[in-house]
Amino acid sequence: MELYAPYLQAIQRAFPDLPVGSARLNLQGQNNAILIVDERYVFRFPKYAHLIDLLKTEADILLGCRAYLPLPIPAPQFIHLDGQPVGEAFTGYALIPGEPLRRE
C-alpha cells in the first residue's frame, strides 16, 4: 500500500466526484502532510489535533482576503475539517504554479 493511500481515501470519501489520476505525498512539513493530486491540487492534512482549528481559521482568512490581493494565494475549494480527526481533516486548493520561497 502506498503511504498516501489513507489521505487519498479521506479525500475520496469526502469528495467522491473528484477524479484522481495521480498523487504524491510530502511528509517533510512540521505541521502538515501534503498530498499533491494530479499536479493540480494541494491537500493539507494537519499532523496534530490542535492544528485543525488553525487550518480552519487560515482557510477563512484566505477566502476572505483573496479578492484584495494582487498575487494568487491559495483559495480553499475542498474543506473537510469540522469534527474530523487527524488524518481525516484537510483543506485542498488549486496548485499555484511556481517555486517555493526558500530561506536561501
C-alpha atoms as a PDB file:
ATOM      1  CA  MET A   1       0.000   0.000   0.000  1.00  0.00           C
ATOM      2  CA  GLU A   2       1.272   3.449  -0.903  1.00  0.00           C
ATOM      3  CA  LEU A   3       1.911   5.823   2.010  1.00  0.00           C
ATOM      4  CA  TYR A   4      -0.525   8.322   0.505  1.00  0.00           C
ATOM      5  CA  ALA A   5      -3.431   5.838   0.345  1.00  0.00           C
ATOM      6  CA  PRO A   6      -5.116   6.819   3.679  1.00  0.00           C
ATOM      7  CA  TYR A   7      -5.008  10.503   2.720  1.00  0.00           C
ATOM      8  CA  LEU A   8      -6.384   9.826  -0.741  1.00  0.00           C
ATOM      9  CA  GLN A   9      -9.151   7.681   0.757  1.00  0.00           C
ATOM     10  CA  ALA A  10     -10.115  10.541   3.094  1.00  0.00           C
ATOM     11  CA  ILE A  11     -10.375  12.895   0.116  1.00  0.00           C
ATOM     12  CA  GLN A  12     -12.408  10.430  -1.920  1.00  0.00           C
ATOM     13  CA  ARG A  13     -14.815   9.767   0.976  1.00  0.00           C
ATOM     14  CA  ALA A  14     -15.421  13.498   1.440  1.00  0.00           C
ATOM     15  CA  PHE A  15     -15.452  14.423  -2.273  1.00  0.00           C
ATOM     16  CA  PRO A  16     -16.346  11.276  -4.256  1.00  0.00           C
ATOM     17  CA  ASP A  17     -16.875  13.216  -7.502  1.00  0.00           C
ATOM     18  CA  LEU A  18     -13.273  14.485  -7.575  1.00  0.00           C
ATOM     19  CA  PRO A  19     -11.413  12.418 -10.190  1.00  0.00           C
ATOM     20  CA  VAL A  20      -7.916  11.342  -9.175  1.00  0.00           C
ATOM     21  CA  GLY A  21      -5.294  10.106 -11.604  1.00  0.00           C
ATOM     22  CA  SER A  22      -2.074  10.507  -9.638  1.00  0.00           C
ATOM     23  CA  ALA A  23      -0.916  11.500  -6.181  1.00  0.00           C
ATOM     24  CA  ARG A  24       2.336  12.198  -4.407  1.00  0.00           C
ATOM     25  CA  LEU A  25       2.908  12.713  -0.715  1.00  0.00           C
ATOM     26  CA  ASN A  26       5.220  15.070   1.154  1.00  0.00           C
ATOM     27  CA  LEU A  27       5.576  14.273   4.865  1.00  0.00           C
ATOM     28  CA  GLN A  28       8.516  16.613   5.477  1.00  0.00           C
ATOM     29  CA  GLY A  29       6.463  19.526   6.781  1.00  0.00           C
ATOM     30  CA  GLN A  30       6.482  20.175  10.504  1.00  0.00           C
ATOM     31  CA  ASN A  31       2.731  20.645  10.859  1.00  0.00           C
ATOM     32  CA  ASN A  32       1.046  19.165   7.782  1.00  0.00           C
ATOM     33  CA  ALA A  33       1.233  16.199   5.469  1.00  0.00           C
ATOM     34  CA  ILE A  34       0.853  17.447   1.897  1.00  0.00           C
ATOM     35  CA  LEU A  35      -0.757  15.442  -0.884  1.00  0.00           C
ATOM     36  CA  ILE A  36      -0.452  16.715  -4.459  1.00  0.00           C
ATOM     37  CA  VAL A  37      -3.238  15.300  -6.629  1.00  0.00           C
ATOM     38  CA  ASP A  38      -2.853  15.214 -10.411  1.00  0.00           C
ATOM     39  CA  GLU A  39      -0.266  18.008 -10.172  1.00  0.00           C
ATOM     40  CA  ARG A  40      -3.379  20.187  -9.946  1.00  0.00           C
ATOM     41  CA  TYR A  41      -4.486  20.261  -6.313  1.00  0.00           C
ATOM     42  CA  VAL A  42      -2.715  20.604  -2.954  1.00  0.00           C
ATOM     43  CA  PHE A  43      -4.291  18.950   0.075  1.00  0.00           C
ATOM     44  CA  ARG A  44      -3.022  19.764   3.573  1.00  0.00           C
ATOM     45  CA  PHE A  45      -3.623  17.310   6.405  1.00  0.00           C
ATOM     46  CA  PRO A  46      -2.741  18.637   9.883  1.00  0.00           C
ATOM     47  CA  LYS A  47      -0.473  16.252  11.792  1.00  0.00           C
ATOM     48  CA  TYR A  48      -1.800  17.284  15.221  1.00  0.00           C
ATOM     49  CA  ALA A  49      -5.338  17.804  16.539  1.00  0.00           C
ATOM     50  CA  HIS A  50      -4.733  21.357  17.800  1.00  0.00           C
ATOM     51  CA  LEU A  51      -3.802  22.421  14.248  1.00  0.00           C
ATOM     52  CA  ILE A  52      -7.187  21.546  12.777  1.00  0.00           C
ATOM     53  CA  ASP A  53      -8.809  24.708  14.183  1.00  0.00           C
ATOM     54  CA  LEU A  54      -5.836  26.777  12.987  1.00  0.00           C
ATOM     55  CA  LEU A  55      -6.245  25.406   9.474  1.00  0.00           C
ATOM     56  CA  LYS A  56      -9.940  26.308   9.570  1.00  0.00           C
ATOM     57  CA  THR A  57      -9.048  29.867  10.594  1.00  0.00           C
ATOM     58  CA  GLU A  58      -6.444  30.025   7.835  1.00  0.00           C
ATOM     59  CA  ALA A  59      -8.992  28.846   5.249  1.00  0.00           C
ATOM     60  CA  ASP A  60     -11.468  31.515   6.392  1.00  0.00           C
ATOM     61  CA  ILE A  61      -8.796  34.231   6.157  1.00  0.00           C
ATOM     62  CA  LEU A  62      -7.645  33.107   2.705  1.00  0.00           C
ATOM     63  CA  LEU A  63     -11.192  33.063   1.385  1.00  0.00           C
ATOM     64  CA  GLY A  64     -11.875  36.494   2.846  1.00  0.00           C
ATOM     65  CA  CYS A  65      -8.801  38.307   1.558  1.00  0.00           C
ATOM     66  CA  ARG A  66      -8.186  36.764  -1.877  1.00  0.00           C
ATOM     67  CA  ALA A  67     -10.180  39.479  -3.675  1.00  0.00           C
ATOM     68  CA  TYR A  68      -7.978  42.173  -2.137  1.00  0.00           C
ATOM     69  CA  LEU A  69      -4.541  40.829  -3.041  1.00  0.00           C
ATOM     70  CA  PRO A  70      -2.757  41.338  -6.368  1.00  0.00           C
ATOM     71  CA  LEU A  71      -0.981  37.942  -6.286  1.00  0.00           C
ATOM     72  CA  PRO A  72      -2.500  34.469  -6.411  1.00  0.00           C
ATOM     73  CA  ILE A  73      -2.975  32.929  -2.986  1.00  0.00           C
ATOM     74  CA  PRO A  74      -4.353  29.529  -2.020  1.00  0.00           C
ATOM     75  CA  ALA A  75      -8.139  29.526  -2.329  1.00  0.00           C
ATOM     76  CA  PRO A  76      -9.502  26.549  -0.401  1.00  0.00           C
ATOM     77  CA  GLN A  77     -12.020  24.646  -2.532  1.00  0.00           C
ATOM     78  CA  PHE A  78     -12.117  21.445  -0.521  1.00  0.00           C
ATOM     79  CA  ILE A  79     -12.655  21.943   3.208  1.00  0.00           C
ATOM     80  CA  HIS A  80     -13.184  18.906   5.409  1.00  0.00           C
ATOM     81  CA  LEU A  81     -12.320  19.939   8.952  1.00  0.00           C
ATOM     82  CA  ASP A  82     -15.318  20.114  11.307  1.00  0.00           C
ATOM     83  CA  GLY A  83     -15.387  17.141  13.649  1.00  0.00           C
ATOM     84  CA  GLN A  84     -12.706  15.269  11.730  1.00  0.00           C
ATOM     85  CA  PRO A  85      -9.780  13.507  13.415  1.00  0.00           C
ATOM     86  CA  VAL A  86      -6.133  13.839  12.452  1.00  0.00           C
ATOM     87  CA  GLY A  87      -5.620  12.013   9.162  1.00  0.00           C
ATOM     88  CA  GLU A  88      -9.160  12.759   8.009  1.00  0.00           C
ATOM     89  CA  ALA A  89      -9.203  16.558   8.381  1.00  0.00           C
ATOM     90  CA  PHE A  90      -7.906  18.535   5.398  1.00  0.00           C
ATOM     91  CA  THR A  91      -8.190  21.528   3.136  1.00  0.00           C
ATOM     92  CA  GLY A  92      -7.451  21.495  -0.570  1.00  0.00           C
ATOM     93  CA  TYR A  93      -6.893  24.124  -3.197  1.00  0.00           C
ATOM     94  CA  ALA A  94      -5.612  24.553  -6.738  1.00  0.00           C
ATOM     95  CA  LEU A  95      -1.856  24.314  -7.071  1.00  0.00           C
ATOM     96  CA  ILE A  96      -0.275  27.712  -7.700  1.00  0.00           C
ATOM     97  CA  PRO A  97       2.497  27.384 -10.301  1.00  0.00           C
ATOM     98  CA  GLY A  98       5.984  28.454  -9.329  1.00  0.00           C
ATOM     99  CA  GLU A  99       8.749  27.588  -6.916  1.00  0.00           C
ATOM    100  CA  PRO A 100       8.577  27.652  -3.114  1.00  0.00           C
ATOM    101  CA  LEU A 101      10.187  30.651  -1.468  1.00  0.00           C
ATOM    102  CA  ARG A 102      13.139  29.292   0.485  1.00  0.00           C
ATOM    103  CA  ARG A 103      15.343  30.950   3.069  1.00  0.00           C
ATOM    104  CA  GLU A 104      18.464  30.757   0.880  1.00  0.00           C
END
